[in-house]
Amino acid sequence: MRIADFKQQGLKSAIRNPQSSVNAETNDIDTIGLLELTSIGVGYRVQDAMLKAAQVDLLLARTICSGKYLVVVAGDTGSVQASVRAGETEAGDALVESRYIPRVHHSIFPALSETTELKPEDMGALGIVETFSASSIIDVADAAAKAAKVTLFRLHLAMAIGGKGFVLMTGDVANVRAAVAAGAAVAAAEGILVSQIVIPAPRRELFQDWI
């Protein structure tokens, strides 16, 4: 899937230019960085500082519940680290949290844009991890996808759910249990885990929006 195909609310296409750190044709992303801020105005200033600090590509910059602002950039590890550091400095007291995820799993992006299509044979157990933080759910989903053979099909960031995040995944029961446990462990270590659920044999209606 190409980055330019991202369609979730406010999700931005990666900037296309000859020096782009992201290959939009192959989705060759090494690292993503995220900053969550309490102020929308400061969020714009932080976004500007991050893009000026290093050769990174803007994946997302938007308001989220409740009145916060989220910035997500992508690029090589060094550039993303430099961009995140610049954002942290510019944010000051408005910084809620920041993080970067190296070697991000390729399934994160279709799940974010809700472009994953499930075939009937793909629908196995249903796994859910829910967190108190919007930006943390990407880290959680990445850990889950890397831990076991599952399909991520929804990754929701904060909109209309009070600033929380959640990820949905499917696969066989053993793999879903392993993936949910890995993702939940990331959230629990930060004290932001809301719930971790595995439904071994869900009704097919739970997947109806992705069939």
Protein backbone atom coordinates (compact mmCIF):
# COMPACT_ATOMS: atom_id res chain seq x y z
CA MET A 1 0.00 0.00 0.00
CA ARG A 2 1.24 3.47 -0.85
CA ILE A 3 1.43 6.24 1.71
CA ALA A 4 -0.51 8.42 -0.73
CA ASP A 5 -3.48 6.11 -0.26
CA PHE A 6 -3.99 7.08 3.38
CA LYS A 7 -7.61 8.21 3.75
CA GLN A 8 -8.34 8.42 7.47
CA GLN A 9 -9.55 11.83 8.71
CA GLY A 10 -6.75 14.34 8.37
CA LEU A 11 -4.13 11.72 7.48
CA LYS A 12 -1.62 13.35 5.19
CA SER A 13 0.18 11.88 2.21
CA ALA A 14 3.95 11.82 2.54
CA ILE A 15 5.57 14.80 0.85
CA ARG A 16 6.85 13.79 -2.56
CA ASN A 17 10.17 15.32 -3.56
CA PRO A 18 13.50 14.05 -4.94
CA GLN A 19 15.08 13.90 -1.47
CA SER A 20 12.09 12.28 0.22
CA SER A 21 13.11 9.91 3.02
CA VAL A 22 10.04 7.76 2.31
CA ASN A 23 9.62 5.73 -0.87
CA ALA A 24 5.91 6.24 -1.51
CA GLU A 25 5.89 3.57 -4.21
CA THR A 26 7.11 0.76 -1.95
CA ASN A 27 6.06 2.03 1.47
CA ASP A 28 9.71 1.78 2.49
CA ILE A 29 9.47 3.39 5.93
CA ASP A 30 12.22 2.82 8.45
CA THR A 31 10.98 4.80 11.46
CA ILE A 32 8.01 6.92 12.50
CA GLY A 33 7.93 9.57 15.21
CA LEU A 34 4.92 10.96 17.07
CA LEU A 35 4.25 13.97 19.28
CA GLU A 36 1.01 14.57 21.15
CA LEU A 37 0.35 18.10 22.42
CA THR A 38 -2.15 19.86 24.66
CA SER A 39 -2.34 22.95 22.43
CA ILE A 40 -3.50 23.17 18.82
CA GLY A 41 -1.61 26.43 18.25
CA VAL A 42 1.60 25.01 19.67
CA GLY A 43 0.95 21.91 17.57
CA TYR A 44 1.28 23.93 14.37
CA ARG A 45 4.49 25.51 15.62
CA VAL A 46 5.88 22.10 16.61
CA GLN A 47 4.94 20.64 13.23
CA ASP A 48 6.87 23.43 11.49
CA ALA A 49 9.93 22.92 13.72
CA MET A 50 9.94 19.16 13.13
CA LEU A 51 9.82 19.52 9.36
CA LYS A 52 12.59 22.12 9.36
CA ALA A 53 14.86 20.11 11.67
CA ALA A 54 15.40 17.07 9.45
CA GLN A 55 14.48 15.42 6.16
CA VAL A 56 11.27 13.69 7.25
CA ASP A 57 7.87 13.22 5.69
CA LEU A 58 4.62 14.35 7.28
CA LEU A 59 2.16 11.47 7.66
CA LEU A 60 -0.38 13.08 9.95
CA ALA A 61 -1.02 16.42 11.62
CA ARG A 62 -4.46 17.01 13.11
CA THR A 63 -6.56 17.81 16.12
CA ILE A 64 -7.65 14.88 18.28
CA CYS A 65 -9.90 14.50 21.31
CA SER A 66 -9.97 16.24 23.62
CA GLY A 67 -8.65 19.47 22.14
CA LYS A 68 -5.16 18.06 21.58
CA TYR A 69 -2.93 17.92 18.52
CA LEU A 70 -1.04 14.95 17.05
CA VAL A 71 1.93 15.06 14.65
CA VAL A 72 3.35 11.95 12.96
CA VAL A 73 6.45 11.96 10.74
CA ALA A 74 8.41 9.24 8.94
CA GLY A 75 11.94 8.78 7.63
CA ASP A 76 15.24 7.18 8.49
CA THR A 77 15.97 6.66 12.17
CA GLY A 78 18.45 9.51 12.59
CA SER A 79 16.25 12.04 10.84
CA VAL A 80 13.16 11.05 12.80
CA GLN A 81 15.04 11.26 16.10
CA ALA A 82 16.31 14.74 15.21
CA SER A 83 12.82 15.83 14.17
CA VAL A 84 11.25 14.52 17.37
CA ARG A 85 13.88 16.22 19.53
CA ALA A 86 13.20 19.52 17.77
CA GLY A 87 9.49 19.06 18.34
CA GLU A 88 9.99 18.31 22.01
CA THR A 89 12.06 21.47 22.45
CA GLU A 90 9.49 23.61 20.65
CA ALA A 91 6.56 22.05 22.55
CA GLY A 92 7.75 22.92 26.05
CA ASP A 93 5.00 22.42 28.61
CA ALA A 94 2.46 21.60 25.89
CA LEU A 95 4.06 18.18 25.30
CA VAL A 96 1.88 15.25 26.37
CA GLU A 97 4.16 12.52 25.04
CA SER A 98 6.59 11.74 22.26
CA ARG A 99 7.91 8.50 20.84
CA TYR A 100 9.55 6.98 17.81
CA ILE A 101 9.14 3.47 16.43
CA PRO A 102 12.01 1.97 14.40
CA ARG A 103 11.39 -0.55 11.61
CA VAL A 104 7.66 -0.03 11.84
CA HIS A 105 5.55 -2.98 10.69
CA HIS A 106 4.07 -2.56 7.21
CA SER A 107 0.53 -3.47 8.36
CA ILE A 108 0.26 -0.34 10.51
CA PHE A 109 -0.61 1.91 7.59
CA PRO A 110 -3.55 0.02 6.03
CA ALA A 111 -4.97 -0.35 9.55
CA LEU A 112 -4.66 3.41 10.14
CA SER A 113 -6.38 4.25 6.88
CA GLU A 114 -8.95 1.46 7.30
CA THR A 115 -8.18 0.10 3.84
CA THR A 116 -7.60 -3.49 4.98
CA GLU A 117 -10.01 -5.90 3.31
CA LEU A 118 -10.83 -9.17 5.01
CA LYS A 119 -11.89 -12.30 3.18
CA PRO A 120 -14.21 -14.74 4.99
CA GLU A 121 -11.32 -17.16 5.44
CA ASP A 122 -9.27 -14.38 7.11
CA MET A 123 -11.76 -13.86 9.91
CA GLY A 124 -10.64 -15.85 12.91
CA ALA A 125 -10.37 -14.83 16.52
CA LEU A 126 -10.82 -11.12 17.28
CA GLY A 127 -8.25 -9.28 19.37
CA ILE A 128 -8.62 -5.79 20.84
CA VAL A 129 -6.15 -3.63 22.76
CA GLU A 130 -7.36 -0.27 24.10
CA THR A 131 -5.21 2.47 25.61
CA PHE A 132 -5.67 5.82 27.32
CA SER A 133 -3.33 7.47 24.80
CA ALA A 134 -3.72 8.13 21.08
CA SER A 135 -0.05 8.03 20.12
CA SER A 136 0.70 4.96 22.23
CA ILE A 137 -1.69 2.77 20.25
CA ILE A 138 0.64 2.84 17.23
CA ASP A 139 3.46 1.49 19.40
CA VAL A 140 1.06 -1.13 20.78
CA ALA A 141 -0.11 -2.18 17.30
CA ASP A 142 3.46 -2.37 16.02
CA ALA A 143 4.44 -4.67 18.89
CA ALA A 144 1.39 -6.86 18.30
CA ALA A 145 2.03 -7.20 14.56
CA LYS A 146 5.68 -8.10 15.13
CA ALA A 147 4.91 -10.67 17.84
CA ALA A 148 2.61 -13.03 15.92
CA LYS A 149 0.94 -13.76 12.61
CA VAL A 150 -2.17 -11.56 12.75
CA THR A 151 -3.95 -9.13 10.47
CA LEU A 152 -4.41 -5.63 11.85
CA PHE A 153 -7.55 -4.17 10.34
CA ARG A 154 -8.38 -1.10 12.41
CA LEU A 155 -6.13 1.34 14.25
CA HIS A 156 -8.12 4.20 15.77
CA LEU A 157 -6.51 7.36 17.11
CA ALA A 158 -8.54 9.37 19.59
CA MET A 159 -11.31 10.72 17.36
CA ALA A 160 -14.65 10.78 19.23
CA ILE A 161 -13.46 8.44 21.99
CA GLY A 162 -12.09 10.87 24.54
CA GLY A 163 -8.46 10.75 23.48
CA LYS A 164 -8.10 6.97 23.72
CA GLY A 165 -6.82 4.59 21.05
CA PHE A 166 -7.58 1.02 20.09
CA VAL A 167 -6.44 -1.61 17.60
CA LEU A 168 -8.38 -4.55 16.15
CA MET A 169 -6.71 -7.69 14.81
CA THR A 170 -7.64 -11.16 13.64
CA GLY A 171 -5.99 -14.53 13.09
CA ASP A 172 -6.01 -17.95 14.69
CA VAL A 173 -6.62 -18.01 18.43
CA ALA A 174 -3.04 -18.72 19.46
CA ASN A 175 -1.58 -15.94 17.32
CA VAL A 176 -4.21 -13.42 18.38
CA ARG A 177 -3.58 -14.22 22.04
CA ALA A 178 0.17 -13.75 21.54
CA ALA A 179 -0.26 -10.50 19.63
CA VAL A 180 -2.72 -9.04 22.13
CA ALA A 181 -0.43 -9.98 25.01
CA ALA A 182 2.56 -8.32 23.33
CA GLY A 183 0.65 -5.13 22.55
CA ALA A 184 -0.96 -4.99 25.99
CA ALA A 185 2.44 -5.40 27.65
CA VAL A 186 3.68 -2.23 25.93
CA ALA A 187 0.67 -0.27 27.18
CA ALA A 188 0.76 -1.79 30.67
CA ALA A 189 4.42 -0.89 31.09
CA GLU A 190 3.43 2.76 30.61
CA GLY A 191 0.35 2.52 32.82
CA ILE A 192 -2.04 3.34 29.95
CA LEU A 193 -3.73 -0.01 29.27
CA VAL A 194 -7.53 0.16 29.32
CA SER A 195 -8.42 -3.31 28.08
CA GLN A 196 -7.07 -6.39 26.31
CA ILE A 197 -9.67 -8.70 24.81
CA VAL A 198 -9.58 -11.93 22.81
CA ILE A 199 -12.82 -13.32 21.38
CA PRO A 200 -11.99 -16.83 20.10
CA ALA A 201 -15.05 -17.32 17.89
CA PRO A 202 -16.66 -13.93 17.18
CA ARG A 203 -19.87 -13.46 15.25
CA ARG A 204 -19.16 -12.40 11.68
CA GLU A 205 -21.14 -9.19 12.21
CA LEU A 206 -18.15 -7.85 14.14
CA PHE A 207 -16.19 -7.81 10.87
CA GLN A 208 -18.94 -6.56 8.58
CA ASP A 209 -17.36 -3.19 7.81
CA TRP A 210 -14.19 -4.87 6.45
CA ILE A 211 -15.68 -7.66 4.35
